[in-house]
N, C-alpha and C. Protein backbone atom coordinates (compact mmCIF):
# COMPACT_ATOMS: atom_id res chain seq x y z
N UNK A 1 -22.47 -13.85 -1.65
CA UNK A 1 -21.56 -12.82 -2.07
C UNK A 1 -22.23 -11.45 -1.99
N UNK A 2 -23.53 -11.42 -2.26
CA UNK A 2 -24.24 -10.15 -2.20
C UNK A 2 -24.05 -9.50 -0.84
N UNK A 3 -24.10 -10.29 0.23
CA UNK A 3 -23.91 -9.76 1.58
C UNK A 3 -22.59 -9.00 1.68
N UNK A 4 -21.51 -9.60 1.19
CA UNK A 4 -20.20 -8.97 1.28
C UNK A 4 -20.09 -7.75 0.38
N UNK A 5 -20.69 -7.83 -0.79
CA UNK A 5 -20.69 -6.66 -1.68
C UNK A 5 -21.43 -5.49 -1.04
N UNK A 6 -22.58 -5.78 -0.42
CA UNK A 6 -23.33 -4.73 0.26
C UNK A 6 -22.54 -4.17 1.44
N UNK A 7 -21.89 -5.05 2.19
CA UNK A 7 -21.07 -4.62 3.32
C UNK A 7 -19.96 -3.68 2.86
N UNK A 8 -19.28 -4.06 1.82
CA UNK A 8 -18.19 -3.24 1.30
C UNK A 8 -18.72 -1.89 0.82
N UNK A 9 -19.80 -1.93 0.09
CA UNK A 9 -20.37 -0.71 -0.48
C UNK A 9 -20.84 0.26 0.60
N UNK A 10 -21.45 -0.27 1.66
CA UNK A 10 -22.02 0.58 2.69
C UNK A 10 -21.00 1.06 3.72
N UNK A 11 -19.95 0.31 3.93
CA UNK A 11 -19.02 0.65 5.02
C UNK A 11 -17.66 1.14 4.53
N UNK A 12 -17.42 1.05 3.24
CA UNK A 12 -16.11 1.38 2.68
C UNK A 12 -14.99 0.51 3.26
N UNK A 13 -15.36 -0.68 3.76
CA UNK A 13 -14.36 -1.64 4.21
C UNK A 13 -13.68 -2.25 2.99
N UNK A 14 -12.51 -2.80 3.22
CA UNK A 14 -11.78 -3.50 2.18
C UNK A 14 -11.65 -4.96 2.62
N UNK A 15 -11.99 -5.87 1.74
CA UNK A 15 -11.86 -7.29 2.03
C UNK A 15 -10.73 -7.87 1.20
N UNK A 16 -9.81 -8.55 1.88
CA UNK A 16 -8.69 -9.22 1.20
C UNK A 16 -8.99 -10.71 1.17
N UNK A 17 -8.95 -11.29 -0.02
CA UNK A 17 -9.22 -12.70 -0.20
C UNK A 17 -7.90 -13.37 -0.58
N UNK A 18 -7.32 -14.16 0.35
CA UNK A 18 -6.05 -14.82 0.03
C UNK A 18 -6.26 -15.96 -0.96
N UNK A 19 -5.23 -16.22 -1.76
CA UNK A 19 -5.30 -17.31 -2.73
C UNK A 19 -3.97 -18.05 -2.75
N UNK A 20 -4.02 -19.34 -2.88
CA UNK A 20 -2.83 -20.17 -3.07
C UNK A 20 -1.78 -19.98 -1.98
N UNK A 21 -2.20 -19.60 -0.78
CA UNK A 21 -1.27 -19.42 0.34
C UNK A 21 -0.11 -18.49 0.01
N UNK A 22 -0.34 -17.55 -0.86
CA UNK A 22 0.71 -16.60 -1.24
C UNK A 22 0.13 -15.20 -1.20
N UNK A 23 0.73 -14.34 -0.38
CA UNK A 23 0.18 -12.99 -0.15
C UNK A 23 -0.01 -12.20 -1.44
N UNK A 24 0.93 -12.29 -2.36
CA UNK A 24 0.85 -11.50 -3.59
C UNK A 24 -0.16 -12.05 -4.59
N UNK A 25 -0.75 -13.19 -4.29
CA UNK A 25 -1.72 -13.79 -5.20
C UNK A 25 -3.15 -13.54 -4.73
N UNK A 26 -3.32 -12.68 -3.73
CA UNK A 26 -4.64 -12.40 -3.18
C UNK A 26 -5.46 -11.46 -4.05
N UNK A 27 -6.70 -11.34 -3.69
CA UNK A 27 -7.65 -10.46 -4.37
C UNK A 27 -8.16 -9.45 -3.35
N UNK A 28 -8.36 -8.21 -3.79
CA UNK A 28 -8.86 -7.16 -2.91
C UNK A 28 -10.20 -6.67 -3.45
N UNK A 29 -11.21 -6.64 -2.57
CA UNK A 29 -12.52 -6.09 -2.92
C UNK A 29 -12.74 -4.79 -2.16
N UNK A 30 -13.12 -3.75 -2.87
CA UNK A 30 -13.42 -2.47 -2.24
C UNK A 30 -14.47 -1.73 -3.06
N UNK A 31 -15.12 -0.78 -2.41
CA UNK A 31 -16.13 0.00 -3.11
C UNK A 31 -15.46 0.92 -4.12
N UNK A 32 -16.23 1.35 -5.08
CA UNK A 32 -15.70 2.26 -6.09
C UNK A 32 -15.25 3.58 -5.46
N UNK A 33 -15.99 4.06 -4.46
CA UNK A 33 -15.59 5.32 -3.82
C UNK A 33 -14.26 5.17 -3.08
N UNK A 34 -14.04 4.01 -2.44
CA UNK A 34 -12.76 3.77 -1.78
C UNK A 34 -11.65 3.67 -2.81
N UNK A 35 -11.90 2.96 -3.90
CA UNK A 35 -10.91 2.83 -4.97
C UNK A 35 -10.54 4.20 -5.54
N UNK A 36 -11.54 5.01 -5.82
CA UNK A 36 -11.26 6.33 -6.37
C UNK A 36 -10.45 7.18 -5.40
N UNK A 37 -10.78 7.09 -4.11
CA UNK A 37 -10.06 7.84 -3.10
C UNK A 37 -8.60 7.39 -3.04
N UNK A 38 -8.38 6.08 -3.02
CA UNK A 38 -7.01 5.56 -2.99
C UNK A 38 -6.27 5.90 -4.27
N UNK A 39 -6.96 5.79 -5.37
CA UNK A 39 -6.32 6.04 -6.66
C UNK A 39 -5.88 7.49 -6.78
N UNK A 40 -6.73 8.39 -6.32
CA UNK A 40 -6.38 9.81 -6.40
C UNK A 40 -5.19 10.13 -5.52
N UNK A 41 -5.04 9.40 -4.41
CA UNK A 41 -4.02 9.73 -3.44
C UNK A 41 -2.74 8.91 -3.55
N UNK A 42 -2.87 7.62 -3.84
CA UNK A 42 -1.69 6.78 -3.68
C UNK A 42 -1.39 5.80 -4.80
N UNK A 43 -2.40 5.23 -5.42
CA UNK A 43 -2.14 4.13 -6.33
C UNK A 43 -1.27 4.53 -7.51
N UNK A 44 -1.49 5.68 -8.08
CA UNK A 44 -0.67 6.11 -9.21
C UNK A 44 0.78 6.28 -8.79
N UNK A 45 1.00 6.89 -7.64
CA UNK A 45 2.36 7.09 -7.16
C UNK A 45 3.03 5.75 -6.85
N UNK A 46 2.32 4.85 -6.20
CA UNK A 46 2.88 3.54 -5.88
C UNK A 46 3.23 2.77 -7.15
N UNK A 47 2.34 2.81 -8.12
CA UNK A 47 2.61 2.15 -9.40
C UNK A 47 3.87 2.71 -10.04
N UNK A 48 4.02 4.01 -9.99
CA UNK A 48 5.22 4.65 -10.56
C UNK A 48 6.47 4.22 -9.81
N UNK A 49 6.41 4.23 -8.48
CA UNK A 49 7.58 3.89 -7.68
C UNK A 49 8.02 2.44 -7.88
N UNK A 50 7.08 1.56 -8.16
CA UNK A 50 7.41 0.16 -8.37
C UNK A 50 7.51 -0.20 -9.86
N UNK A 51 7.62 0.80 -10.72
CA UNK A 51 7.58 0.55 -12.16
C UNK A 51 8.86 -0.08 -12.71
N UNK A 52 9.97 0.06 -12.00
CA UNK A 52 11.21 -0.58 -12.46
C UNK A 52 11.68 -1.57 -11.40
N UNK A 53 12.32 -2.63 -11.83
CA UNK A 53 12.80 -3.65 -10.91
C UNK A 53 13.83 -3.08 -9.93
N UNK A 54 14.69 -2.21 -10.41
CA UNK A 54 15.73 -1.63 -9.57
C UNK A 54 15.11 -0.75 -8.47
N UNK A 55 14.17 0.08 -8.83
CA UNK A 55 13.53 0.96 -7.85
C UNK A 55 12.71 0.13 -6.85
N UNK A 56 12.01 -0.89 -7.34
CA UNK A 56 11.23 -1.75 -6.45
C UNK A 56 12.15 -2.44 -5.44
N UNK A 57 13.29 -2.95 -5.91
CA UNK A 57 14.23 -3.62 -5.01
C UNK A 57 14.77 -2.66 -3.96
N UNK A 58 15.06 -1.43 -4.36
CA UNK A 58 15.58 -0.43 -3.42
C UNK A 58 14.54 -0.08 -2.36
N UNK A 59 13.29 0.09 -2.78
CA UNK A 59 12.22 0.38 -1.83
C UNK A 59 11.99 -0.78 -0.87
N UNK A 60 12.02 -2.00 -1.38
CA UNK A 60 11.85 -3.17 -0.53
C UNK A 60 13.00 -3.30 0.47
N UNK A 61 14.21 -2.97 0.04
CA UNK A 61 15.36 -2.97 0.94
C UNK A 61 15.16 -1.94 2.05
N UNK A 62 14.68 -0.77 1.71
CA UNK A 62 14.43 0.27 2.71
C UNK A 62 13.36 -0.15 3.71
N UNK A 63 12.32 -0.79 3.23
CA UNK A 63 11.26 -1.27 4.12
C UNK A 63 11.82 -2.33 5.07
N UNK A 64 12.66 -3.22 4.55
CA UNK A 64 13.27 -4.25 5.39
C UNK A 64 14.15 -3.61 6.46
N UNK A 65 14.91 -2.59 6.09
CA UNK A 65 15.75 -1.88 7.05
C UNK A 65 14.89 -1.23 8.14
N UNK A 66 13.77 -0.68 7.76
CA UNK A 66 12.85 -0.09 8.73
C UNK A 66 12.35 -1.13 9.72
N UNK A 67 11.94 -2.29 9.21
CA UNK A 67 11.44 -3.36 10.08
C UNK A 67 12.53 -3.89 11.01
N UNK A 68 13.77 -3.85 10.58
CA UNK A 68 14.89 -4.34 11.38
C UNK A 68 15.45 -3.27 12.32
N UNK A 69 14.87 -2.09 12.27
CA UNK A 69 15.34 -1.01 13.15
C UNK A 69 16.62 -0.37 12.69
N UNK A 70 16.99 -0.55 11.45
CA UNK A 70 18.21 0.02 10.91
C UNK A 70 17.90 1.39 10.29
N UNK A 71 17.56 2.33 11.16
CA UNK A 71 17.20 3.67 10.71
C UNK A 71 18.07 4.70 11.41
N UNK A 72 18.09 5.90 10.88
CA UNK A 72 18.82 7.02 11.48
C UNK A 72 17.84 8.13 11.78
N UNK A 73 18.04 8.79 12.92
CA UNK A 73 17.19 9.92 13.28
C UNK A 73 17.90 11.21 12.87
N UNK A 74 17.11 12.13 12.37
CA UNK A 74 17.62 13.44 11.99
C UNK A 74 16.76 14.51 12.66
N UNK A 75 17.39 15.54 13.14
CA UNK A 75 16.68 16.67 13.72
C UNK A 75 16.37 17.65 12.60
N UNK A 76 15.12 17.72 12.24
CA UNK A 76 14.71 18.58 11.13
C UNK A 76 14.21 19.94 11.61
N UNK A 77 14.33 20.19 12.91
CA UNK A 77 13.85 21.46 13.44
C UNK A 77 14.87 22.58 13.24
N UNK A 78 16.14 22.24 13.09
CA UNK A 78 17.19 23.25 12.88
C UNK A 78 17.21 23.64 11.40
N UNK A 79 17.31 24.92 11.18
CA UNK A 79 17.34 25.42 9.80
C UNK A 79 18.75 25.29 9.26
N UNK A 80 18.82 25.01 7.98
CA UNK A 80 20.11 24.93 7.31
C UNK A 80 20.58 26.36 7.00
N UNK A 81 21.83 26.70 7.33
CA UNK A 81 22.30 28.07 7.10
C UNK A 81 22.37 28.43 5.63
């Protein structure tokens, strides 16, 4: 294990350890500097966005629509009058 801990610490790689053949039951190993970087940028926001069952379901629905190609394009270059 020391080898992997050293690898993570020196390279800022993230290792995902699957458990029980279920993606959500996995474990993630990362260096403290990587964790702090992610936490400052994304983890707090993600935790907030998934804090309610209704919001989580809506976000998951949107992600599914994206994967299925059910998206709309908008031209954002034109200014609104």
